[in-house]
Amino acid sequence: MKKELTIFLTAIMFFTRIPCPKWIDHSGDILQKCTKYFSMIGVIVGCFGALVFWVASYILPLNISILLSYVSTIWITGAFHEDGFADVCDGFGGGWTKDKILAIMKDSLVGTYGIVGLICLFTLKLFSLFEISNQLIITIIAGHSVSRCLAAFILYLYPYARTENSKSIAVANNFKLTYLIFNIVIGFSPLLLFKTYWVFLAIIPPFIAMLLLGRFFKKWIGGQTGDCAGATQQITEVIFYLSLLVLWRYI
């Protein structure tokens, strides 16, 4: 029980800014196992964003409440996945070989492709959430959990592309089928809170997007990296919101 708690707290410490006990560390063995809680972290982050939205909505306009909710999720994760998305935009936008792409993605500076990509991403998220007036709190939670579940598929289906030692290798390597199943159960659970089970159709477009992204990563760099998983999370989150909009318009 204590070991499992250590793994869970390690996941919280690695993927968020939430304070954890001092005895929690980043050992490679624990980091490999903490990926089983990837979707659970999504639920936690989503609940935090939903809470901020709920409180803000009582005193502020809808658009500002949504913006504050979004900012709060960026803050609590330290822009962990947004940074990965920007790195992927820069790497694949400016590199034409595997080595060049990986080198650009490793660079801490953000380039033009990354900035433009983030602007487009943020705009799509905010406008999508603003248009979703139906069950918005549940939508925020589900968006974070479902997208992290789909990012877990990337970790399971594709090998790690880098060869040098890093913390990301410990997270990305040896992602077991049992971890993926656990992520699926937790990641898709918030969908049960919606008033209709038709909402499960909204998983299809982001799932297809995840497969296309994985195929793209495999073609250019031979697999995935932590940045690729982060980019997958961000992209599938947006596509999930867009899918809900389409679903509620026509069904």
C-alpha atoms as a PDB file:
ATOM      1  CA  MET A   1       0.000   0.000   0.000  1.00  0.00           C
ATOM      2  CA  LYS A   2       2.784   2.408   0.922  1.00  0.00           C
ATOM      3  CA  LYS A   3       4.664   1.557  -2.267  1.00  0.00           C
ATOM      4  CA  GLU A   4       1.581   2.269  -4.382  1.00  0.00           C
ATOM      5  CA  LEU A   5       1.085   5.560  -2.547  1.00  0.00           C
ATOM      6  CA  THR A   6       4.710   6.428  -3.307  1.00  0.00           C
ATOM      7  CA  ILE A   7       4.130   5.730  -7.003  1.00  0.00           C
ATOM      8  CA  PHE A   8       0.989   7.885  -7.021  1.00  0.00           C
ATOM      9  CA  LEU A   9       2.675  10.788  -5.223  1.00  0.00           C
ATOM     10  CA  THR A  10       5.638  10.523  -7.585  1.00  0.00           C
ATOM     11  CA  ALA A  11       3.230  10.900 -10.501  1.00  0.00           C
ATOM     12  CA  ILE A  12       1.761  14.001  -8.866  1.00  0.00           C
ATOM     13  CA  MET A  13       5.217  15.453  -8.248  1.00  0.00           C
ATOM     14  CA  PHE A  14       6.426  14.721 -11.792  1.00  0.00           C
ATOM     15  CA  PHE A  15       3.352  15.909 -13.708  1.00  0.00           C
ATOM     16  CA  THR A  16       2.118  18.778 -11.504  1.00  0.00           C
ATOM     17  CA  ARG A  17       3.188  21.515  -9.092  1.00  0.00           C
ATOM     18  CA  ILE A  18       1.190  20.020  -6.223  1.00  0.00           C
ATOM     19  CA  PRO A  19       3.442  19.773  -3.133  1.00  0.00           C
ATOM     20  CA  CYS A  20       4.419  16.265  -2.072  1.00  0.00           C
ATOM     21  CA  PRO A  21       6.231  14.851   0.976  1.00  0.00           C
ATOM     22  CA  LYS A  22       9.999  15.310   0.987  1.00  0.00           C
ATOM     23  CA  TRP A  23      10.594  11.537   0.969  1.00  0.00           C
ATOM     24  CA  ILE A  24       9.210  11.292  -2.577  1.00  0.00           C
ATOM     25  CA  ASP A  25      11.984  11.202  -5.195  1.00  0.00           C
ATOM     26  CA  HIS A  26      12.439  10.658  -8.944  1.00  0.00           C
ATOM     27  CA  SER A  27      13.971   7.168  -8.909  1.00  0.00           C
ATOM     28  CA  GLY A  28      13.893   5.463 -12.303  1.00  0.00           C
ATOM     29  CA  ASP A  29      11.974   2.424 -11.083  1.00  0.00           C
ATOM     30  CA  ILE A  30       9.202   4.532  -9.546  1.00  0.00           C
ATOM     31  CA  LEU A  31       9.019   6.834 -12.565  1.00  0.00           C
ATOM     32  CA  GLN A  32       8.430   3.843 -14.842  1.00  0.00           C
ATOM     33  CA  LYS A  33       5.470   2.800 -12.725  1.00  0.00           C
ATOM     34  CA  CYS A  34       3.959   6.242 -12.131  1.00  0.00           C
ATOM     35  CA  THR A  35       2.728   6.404 -15.749  1.00  0.00           C
ATOM     36  CA  LYS A  36      -0.151   4.138 -14.699  1.00  0.00           C
ATOM     37  CA  TYR A  37      -1.600   7.253 -13.016  1.00  0.00           C
ATOM     38  CA  PHE A  38      -1.359   9.470 -16.094  1.00  0.00           C
ATOM     39  CA  SER A  39      -5.150   9.605 -16.550  1.00  0.00           C
ATOM     40  CA  MET A  40      -5.653  10.050 -12.811  1.00  0.00           C
ATOM     41  CA  ILE A  41      -3.483  13.158 -12.983  1.00  0.00           C
ATOM     42  CA  GLY A  42      -5.787  14.334 -15.767  1.00  0.00           C
ATOM     43  CA  VAL A  43      -8.805  13.902 -13.480  1.00  0.00           C
ATOM     44  CA  ILE A  44      -7.064  15.862 -10.719  1.00  0.00           C
ATOM     45  CA  VAL A  45      -5.999  18.687 -13.040  1.00  0.00           C
ATOM     46  CA  GLY A  46      -9.433  18.731 -14.664  1.00  0.00           C
ATOM     47  CA  CYS A  47     -11.180  18.923 -11.287  1.00  0.00           C
ATOM     48  CA  PHE A  48      -8.939  21.799 -10.272  1.00  0.00           C
ATOM     49  CA  GLY A  49      -9.742  23.671 -13.483  1.00  0.00           C
ATOM     50  CA  ALA A  50     -13.450  22.899 -13.085  1.00  0.00           C
ATOM     51  CA  LEU A  51     -13.383  24.170  -9.489  1.00  0.00           C
ATOM     52  CA  VAL A  52     -11.761  27.437 -10.558  1.00  0.00           C
ATOM     53  CA  PHE A  53     -14.363  27.844 -13.303  1.00  0.00           C
ATOM     54  CA  TRP A  54     -17.244  27.076 -10.918  1.00  0.00           C
ATOM     55  CA  VAL A  55     -16.081  29.647  -8.349  1.00  0.00           C
ATOM     56  CA  ALA A  56     -15.240  32.308 -10.937  1.00  0.00           C
ATOM     57  CA  SER A  57     -18.554  31.869 -12.770  1.00  0.00           C
ATOM     58  CA  TYR A  58     -20.451  33.248  -9.765  1.00  0.00           C
ATOM     59  CA  ILE A  59     -18.688  36.606  -9.913  1.00  0.00           C
ATOM     60  CA  LEU A  60     -17.283  36.934 -13.441  1.00  0.00           C
ATOM     61  CA  PRO A  61     -18.523  36.600 -17.042  1.00  0.00           C
ATOM     62  CA  LEU A  62     -18.423  33.182 -18.700  1.00  0.00           C
ATOM     63  CA  ASN A  63     -15.484  33.926 -21.015  1.00  0.00           C
ATOM     64  CA  ILE A  64     -13.286  35.221 -18.199  1.00  0.00           C
ATOM     65  CA  SER A  65     -14.217  32.277 -15.983  1.00  0.00           C
ATOM     66  CA  ILE A  66     -13.177  29.863 -18.735  1.00  0.00           C
ATOM     67  CA  LEU A  67      -9.914  31.746 -19.237  1.00  0.00           C
ATOM     68  CA  LEU A  68      -9.127  31.631 -15.518  1.00  0.00           C
ATOM     69  CA  SER A  69      -9.918  27.909 -15.482  1.00  0.00           C
ATOM     70  CA  TYR A  70      -7.550  27.346 -18.370  1.00  0.00           C
ATOM     71  CA  VAL A  71      -4.808  29.431 -16.769  1.00  0.00           C
ATOM     72  CA  SER A  72      -5.205  27.484 -13.544  1.00  0.00           C
ATOM     73  CA  THR A  73      -4.597  24.148 -15.321  1.00  0.00           C
ATOM     74  CA  ILE A  74      -1.492  25.590 -16.959  1.00  0.00           C
ATOM     75  CA  TRP A  75      -0.249  26.782 -13.593  1.00  0.00           C
ATOM     76  CA  ILE A  76      -0.888  23.526 -11.706  1.00  0.00           C
ATOM     77  CA  THR A  77       0.967  21.491 -14.364  1.00  0.00           C
ATOM     78  CA  GLY A  78       3.740  24.027 -14.915  1.00  0.00           C
ATOM     79  CA  ALA A  79       2.764  24.118 -18.617  1.00  0.00           C
ATOM     80  CA  PHE A  80       4.233  20.603 -18.775  1.00  0.00           C
ATOM     81  CA  HIS A  81       2.317  19.431 -21.836  1.00  0.00           C
ATOM     82  CA  GLU A  82       2.091  22.859 -23.479  1.00  0.00           C
ATOM     83  CA  ASP A  83       5.885  22.942 -23.453  1.00  0.00           C
ATOM     84  CA  GLY A  84       5.960  19.530 -25.140  1.00  0.00           C
ATOM     85  CA  PHE A  85       3.518  20.725 -27.786  1.00  0.00           C
ATOM     86  CA  ALA A  86       5.650  23.812 -28.514  1.00  0.00           C
ATOM     87  CA  ASP A  87       8.800  21.671 -28.763  1.00  0.00           C
ATOM     88  CA  VAL A  88       7.089  19.320 -31.218  1.00  0.00           C
ATOM     89  CA  CYS A  89       5.965  22.278 -33.357  1.00  0.00           C
ATOM     90  CA  ASP A  90       9.514  23.639 -33.437  1.00  0.00           C
ATOM     91  CA  GLY A  91      11.170  20.270 -33.941  1.00  0.00           C
ATOM     92  CA  PHE A  92       9.019  18.964 -36.759  1.00  0.00           C
ATOM     93  CA  GLY A  93       8.546  22.411 -38.242  1.00  0.00           C
ATOM     94  CA  GLY A  94      12.245  23.240 -38.448  1.00  0.00           C
ATOM     95  CA  GLY A  95      13.951  19.848 -38.688  1.00  0.00           C
ATOM     96  CA  TRP A  96      14.207  17.484 -41.653  1.00  0.00           C
ATOM     97  CA  THR A  97      16.210  14.641 -40.137  1.00  0.00           C
ATOM     98  CA  LYS A  98      15.732  12.636 -36.956  1.00  0.00           C
ATOM     99  CA  ASP A  99      18.829  14.069 -35.289  1.00  0.00           C
ATOM    100  CA  LYS A 100      17.896  17.643 -36.194  1.00  0.00           C
ATOM    101  CA  ILE A 101      14.296  17.243 -35.016  1.00  0.00           C
ATOM    102  CA  LEU A 102      15.380  15.737 -31.691  1.00  0.00           C
ATOM    103  CA  ALA A 103      18.035  18.438 -31.212  1.00  0.00           C
ATOM    104  CA  ILE A 104      15.508  21.228 -31.793  1.00  0.00           C
ATOM    105  CA  MET A 105      12.983  19.598 -29.475  1.00  0.00           C
ATOM    106  CA  LYS A 106      15.601  19.387 -26.740  1.00  0.00           C
ATOM    107  CA  ASP A 107      16.440  23.093 -27.023  1.00  0.00           C
ATOM    108  CA  SER A 108      14.892  25.053 -24.156  1.00  0.00           C
ATOM    109  CA  LEU A 109      14.151  28.060 -26.382  1.00  0.00           C
ATOM    110  CA  VAL A 110      10.778  28.384 -28.096  1.00  0.00           C
ATOM    111  CA  GLY A 111      10.832  29.236 -31.800  1.00  0.00           C
ATOM    112  CA  THR A 112       8.343  30.679 -34.256  1.00  0.00           C
ATOM    113  CA  TYR A 113       6.617  27.369 -34.937  1.00  0.00           C
ATOM    114  CA  GLY A 114       6.124  26.780 -31.233  1.00  0.00           C
ATOM    115  CA  ILE A 115       4.744  30.266 -30.567  1.00  0.00           C
ATOM    116  CA  VAL A 116       2.345  30.143 -33.516  1.00  0.00           C
ATOM    117  CA  GLY A 117       1.272  26.637 -32.546  1.00  0.00           C
ATOM    118  CA  LEU A 118       0.548  27.659 -28.948  1.00  0.00           C
ATOM    119  CA  ILE A 119      -1.459  30.694 -30.057  1.00  0.00           C
ATOM    120  CA  CYS A 120      -3.596  28.512 -32.332  1.00  0.00           C
ATOM    121  CA  LEU A 121      -3.950  25.863 -29.626  1.00  0.00           C
ATOM    122  CA  PHE A 122      -4.969  28.315 -26.900  1.00  0.00           C
ATOM    123  CA  THR A 123      -7.438  30.069 -29.193  1.00  0.00           C
ATOM    124  CA  LEU A 124      -9.101  26.821 -30.226  1.00  0.00           C
ATOM    125  CA  LYS A 125      -9.383  25.646 -26.615  1.00  0.00           C
ATOM    126  CA  LEU A 126     -10.885  28.869 -25.332  1.00  0.00           C
ATOM    127  CA  PHE A 127     -13.377  29.299 -28.169  1.00  0.00           C
ATOM    128  CA  SER A 128     -14.383  25.624 -28.000  1.00  0.00           C
ATOM    129  CA  LEU A 129     -15.009  25.733 -24.251  1.00  0.00           C
ATOM    130  CA  PHE A 130     -16.866  29.026 -24.595  1.00  0.00           C
ATOM    131  CA  GLU A 131     -19.247  27.406 -27.093  1.00  0.00           C
ATOM    132  CA  ILE A 132     -19.815  24.387 -24.844  1.00  0.00           C
ATOM    133  CA  SER A 133     -22.424  25.735 -22.463  1.00  0.00           C
ATOM    134  CA  ASN A 134     -23.863  22.274 -21.738  1.00  0.00           C
ATOM    135  CA  GLN A 135     -22.224  20.451 -18.804  1.00  0.00           C
ATOM    136  CA  LEU A 136     -19.063  22.526 -19.050  1.00  0.00           C
ATOM    137  CA  ILE A 137     -17.674  21.446 -15.670  1.00  0.00           C
ATOM    138  CA  ILE A 138     -17.821  17.767 -16.639  1.00  0.00           C
ATOM    139  CA  THR A 139     -16.390  18.630 -20.053  1.00  0.00           C
ATOM    140  CA  ILE A 140     -13.317  20.252 -18.509  1.00  0.00           C
ATOM    141  CA  ILE A 141     -12.653  17.209 -16.331  1.00  0.00           C
ATOM    142  CA  ALA A 142     -13.238  14.750 -19.179  1.00  0.00           C
ATOM    143  CA  GLY A 143     -11.081  16.740 -21.590  1.00  0.00           C
ATOM    144  CA  HIS A 144      -8.054  16.412 -19.337  1.00  0.00           C
ATOM    145  CA  SER A 145      -8.580  12.765 -18.427  1.00  0.00           C
ATOM    146  CA  VAL A 146      -9.440  11.494 -21.921  1.00  0.00           C
ATOM    147  CA  SER A 147      -6.543  13.334 -23.578  1.00  0.00           C
ATOM    148  CA  ARG A 148      -4.024  11.975 -21.076  1.00  0.00           C
ATOM    149  CA  CYS A 149      -5.414   8.500 -21.604  1.00  0.00           C
ATOM    150  CA  LEU A 150      -4.831   8.861 -25.342  1.00  0.00           C
ATOM    151  CA  ALA A 151      -1.310  10.139 -24.687  1.00  0.00           C
ATOM    152  CA  ALA A 152      -0.758   6.927 -22.714  1.00  0.00           C
ATOM    153  CA  PHE A 153      -1.478   5.003 -25.929  1.00  0.00           C
ATOM    154  CA  ILE A 154       1.500   6.780 -27.530  1.00  0.00           C
ATOM    155  CA  LEU A 155       3.745   5.601 -24.689  1.00  0.00           C
ATOM    156  CA  TYR A 156       2.487   2.037 -25.058  1.00  0.00           C
ATOM    157  CA  LEU A 157       2.432   1.694 -28.857  1.00  0.00           C
ATOM    158  CA  TYR A 158       5.755   3.290 -29.799  1.00  0.00           C
ATOM    159  CA  PRO A 159       9.363   2.950 -28.597  1.00  0.00           C
ATOM    160  CA  TYR A 160      11.281   5.824 -27.076  1.00  0.00           C
ATOM    161  CA  ALA A 161      13.162   7.656 -29.824  1.00  0.00           C
ATOM    162  CA  ARG A 162      16.081   9.084 -27.854  1.00  0.00           C
ATOM    163  CA  THR A 163      19.127   7.123 -26.733  1.00  0.00           C
ATOM    164  CA  GLU A 164      20.689   9.407 -24.113  1.00  0.00           C
ATOM    165  CA  ASN A 165      19.817   9.053 -20.440  1.00  0.00           C
ATOM    166  CA  SER A 166      17.045  11.293 -19.092  1.00  0.00           C
ATOM    167  CA  LYS A 167      14.097  11.205 -16.715  1.00  0.00           C
ATOM    168  CA  SER A 168      11.793  10.954 -19.704  1.00  0.00           C
ATOM    169  CA  ILE A 169      13.320   7.618 -20.661  1.00  0.00           C
ATOM    170  CA  ALA A 170      12.331   6.214 -17.283  1.00  0.00           C
ATOM    171  CA  VAL A 171       8.781   7.499 -17.789  1.00  0.00           C
ATOM    172  CA  ALA A 172       8.425   6.365 -21.417  1.00  0.00           C
ATOM    173  CA  ASN A 173      10.103   2.948 -21.323  1.00  0.00           C
ATOM    174  CA  ASN A 174       8.444  -0.299 -20.234  1.00  0.00           C
ATOM    175  CA  PHE A 175       4.895   1.042 -20.390  1.00  0.00           C
ATOM    176  CA  LYS A 176       2.895  -2.110 -19.622  1.00  0.00           C
ATOM    177  CA  LEU A 177      -0.471  -3.212 -20.961  1.00  0.00           C
ATOM    178  CA  THR A 178      -1.853  -3.226 -17.409  1.00  0.00           C
ATOM    179  CA  TYR A 179      -0.885   0.466 -17.125  1.00  0.00           C
ATOM    180  CA  LEU A 180      -2.722   1.217 -20.360  1.00  0.00           C
ATOM    181  CA  ILE A 181      -5.856  -0.617 -19.211  1.00  0.00           C
ATOM    182  CA  PHE A 182      -5.826   1.260 -15.909  1.00  0.00           C
ATOM    183  CA  ASN A 183      -5.450   4.546 -17.797  1.00  0.00           C
ATOM    184  CA  ILE A 184      -8.397   3.651 -20.048  1.00  0.00           C
ATOM    185  CA  VAL A 185     -10.655   2.860 -17.089  1.00  0.00           C
ATOM    186  CA  ILE A 186      -9.776   6.071 -15.234  1.00  0.00           C
ATOM    187  CA  GLY A 187      -9.479   8.274 -18.309  1.00  0.00           C
ATOM    188  CA  PHE A 188     -12.890   7.432 -19.755  1.00  0.00           C
ATOM    189  CA  SER A 189     -14.737   7.300 -16.412  1.00  0.00           C
ATOM    190  CA  PRO A 190     -15.710  11.024 -16.394  1.00  0.00           C
ATOM    191  CA  LEU A 191     -17.699  10.402 -19.580  1.00  0.00           C
ATOM    192  CA  LEU A 192     -20.189   8.441 -17.463  1.00  0.00           C
ATOM    193  CA  LEU A 193     -21.144  11.713 -15.754  1.00  0.00           C
ATOM    194  CA  PHE A 194     -22.670  13.121 -18.927  1.00  0.00           C
ATOM    195  CA  LYS A 195     -26.435  12.930 -19.411  1.00  0.00           C
ATOM    196  CA  THR A 196     -26.100  10.785 -22.529  1.00  0.00           C
ATOM    197  CA  TYR A 197     -23.829   7.912 -23.521  1.00  0.00           C
ATOM    198  CA  TRP A 198     -23.698   9.314 -27.055  1.00  0.00           C
ATOM    199  CA  VAL A 199     -20.803  11.338 -25.675  1.00  0.00           C
ATOM    200  CA  PHE A 200     -18.560   8.277 -26.073  1.00  0.00           C
ATOM    201  CA  LEU A 201     -18.658   8.957 -29.825  1.00  0.00           C
ATOM    202  CA  ALA A 202     -16.588  12.063 -29.103  1.00  0.00           C
ATOM    203  CA  ILE A 203     -13.651   9.766 -28.307  1.00  0.00           C
ATOM    204  CA  ILE A 204     -13.394   8.558 -31.914  1.00  0.00           C
ATOM    205  CA  PRO A 205     -11.908  11.686 -33.591  1.00  0.00           C
ATOM    206  CA  PRO A 206      -9.210  12.254 -30.916  1.00  0.00           C
ATOM    207  CA  PHE A 207      -8.397   8.524 -30.968  1.00  0.00           C
ATOM    208  CA  ILE A 208      -7.879   8.679 -34.745  1.00  0.00           C
ATOM    209  CA  ALA A 209      -5.780  11.811 -34.273  1.00  0.00           C
ATOM    210  CA  MET A 210      -3.625   9.956 -31.736  1.00  0.00           C
ATOM    211  CA  LEU A 211      -3.022   7.122 -34.212  1.00  0.00           C
ATOM    212  CA  LEU A 212      -2.097   9.583 -36.970  1.00  0.00           C
ATOM    213  CA  LEU A 213       0.252  11.455 -34.662  1.00  0.00           C
ATOM    214  CA  GLY A 214       1.904   8.203 -33.585  1.00  0.00           C
ATOM    215  CA  ARG A 215       2.384   7.188 -37.192  1.00  0.00           C
ATOM    216  CA  PHE A 216       3.856  10.619 -37.949  1.00  0.00           C
ATOM    217  CA  PHE A 217       6.282  10.441 -35.012  1.00  0.00           C
ATOM    218  CA  LYS A 218       7.303   6.906 -35.976  1.00  0.00           C
ATOM    219  CA  LYS A 219       8.015   7.950 -39.558  1.00  0.00           C
ATOM    220  CA  TRP A 220      10.224  10.920 -38.715  1.00  0.00           C
ATOM    221  CA  ILE A 221      12.013  10.018 -35.465  1.00  0.00           C
ATOM    222  CA  GLY A 222      11.384   6.289 -35.117  1.00  0.00           C
ATOM    223  CA  GLY A 223       9.109   6.511 -32.083  1.00  0.00           C
ATOM    224  CA  GLN A 224       8.031   8.924 -29.385  1.00  0.00           C
ATOM    225  CA  THR A 225       9.467  11.203 -26.725  1.00  0.00           C
ATOM    226  CA  GLY A 226       7.985  12.935 -23.706  1.00  0.00           C
ATOM    227  CA  ASP A 227       7.364  15.966 -25.903  1.00  0.00           C
ATOM    228  CA  CYS A 228       5.423  13.797 -28.353  1.00  0.00           C
ATOM    229  CA  ALA A 229       3.211  12.501 -25.543  1.00  0.00           C
ATOM    230  CA  GLY A 230       2.660  16.056 -24.319  1.00  0.00           C
ATOM    231  CA  ALA A 231       1.762  17.255 -27.795  1.00  0.00           C
ATOM    232  CA  THR A 232      -0.628  14.329 -28.209  1.00  0.00           C
ATOM    233  CA  GLN A 233      -2.348  15.257 -24.960  1.00  0.00           C
ATOM    234  CA  GLN A 234      -2.805  18.871 -26.028  1.00  0.00           C
ATOM    235  CA  ILE A 235      -3.999  18.097 -29.546  1.00  0.00           C
ATOM    236  CA  THR A 236      -6.438  15.356 -28.538  1.00  0.00           C
ATOM    237  CA  GLU A 237      -7.853  17.565 -25.788  1.00  0.00           C
ATOM    238  CA  VAL A 238      -8.759  20.233 -28.336  1.00  0.00           C
ATOM    239  CA  ILE A 239     -10.166  17.661 -30.765  1.00  0.00           C
ATOM    240  CA  PHE A 240     -12.264  16.184 -27.947  1.00  0.00           C
ATOM    241  CA  TYR A 241     -13.859  19.589 -27.303  1.00  0.00           C
ATOM    242  CA  LEU A 242     -14.481  20.115 -31.015  1.00  0.00           C
ATOM    243  CA  SER A 243     -15.972  16.628 -31.269  1.00  0.00           C
ATOM    244  CA  LEU A 244     -18.406  17.432 -28.458  1.00  0.00           C
ATOM    245  CA  LEU A 245     -19.504  20.577 -30.280  1.00  0.00           C
ATOM    246  CA  VAL A 246     -20.201  18.633 -33.454  1.00  0.00           C
ATOM    247  CA  LEU A 247     -21.880  15.806 -31.551  1.00  0.00           C
ATOM    248  CA  TRP A 248     -24.254  18.100 -29.667  1.00  0.00           C
ATOM    249  CA  ARG A 249     -25.147  19.980 -32.827  1.00  0.00           C
ATOM    250  CA  TYR A 250     -26.207  16.975 -34.880  1.00  0.00           C
ATOM    251  CA  ILE A 251     -27.277  14.357 -32.313  1.00  0.00           C
END
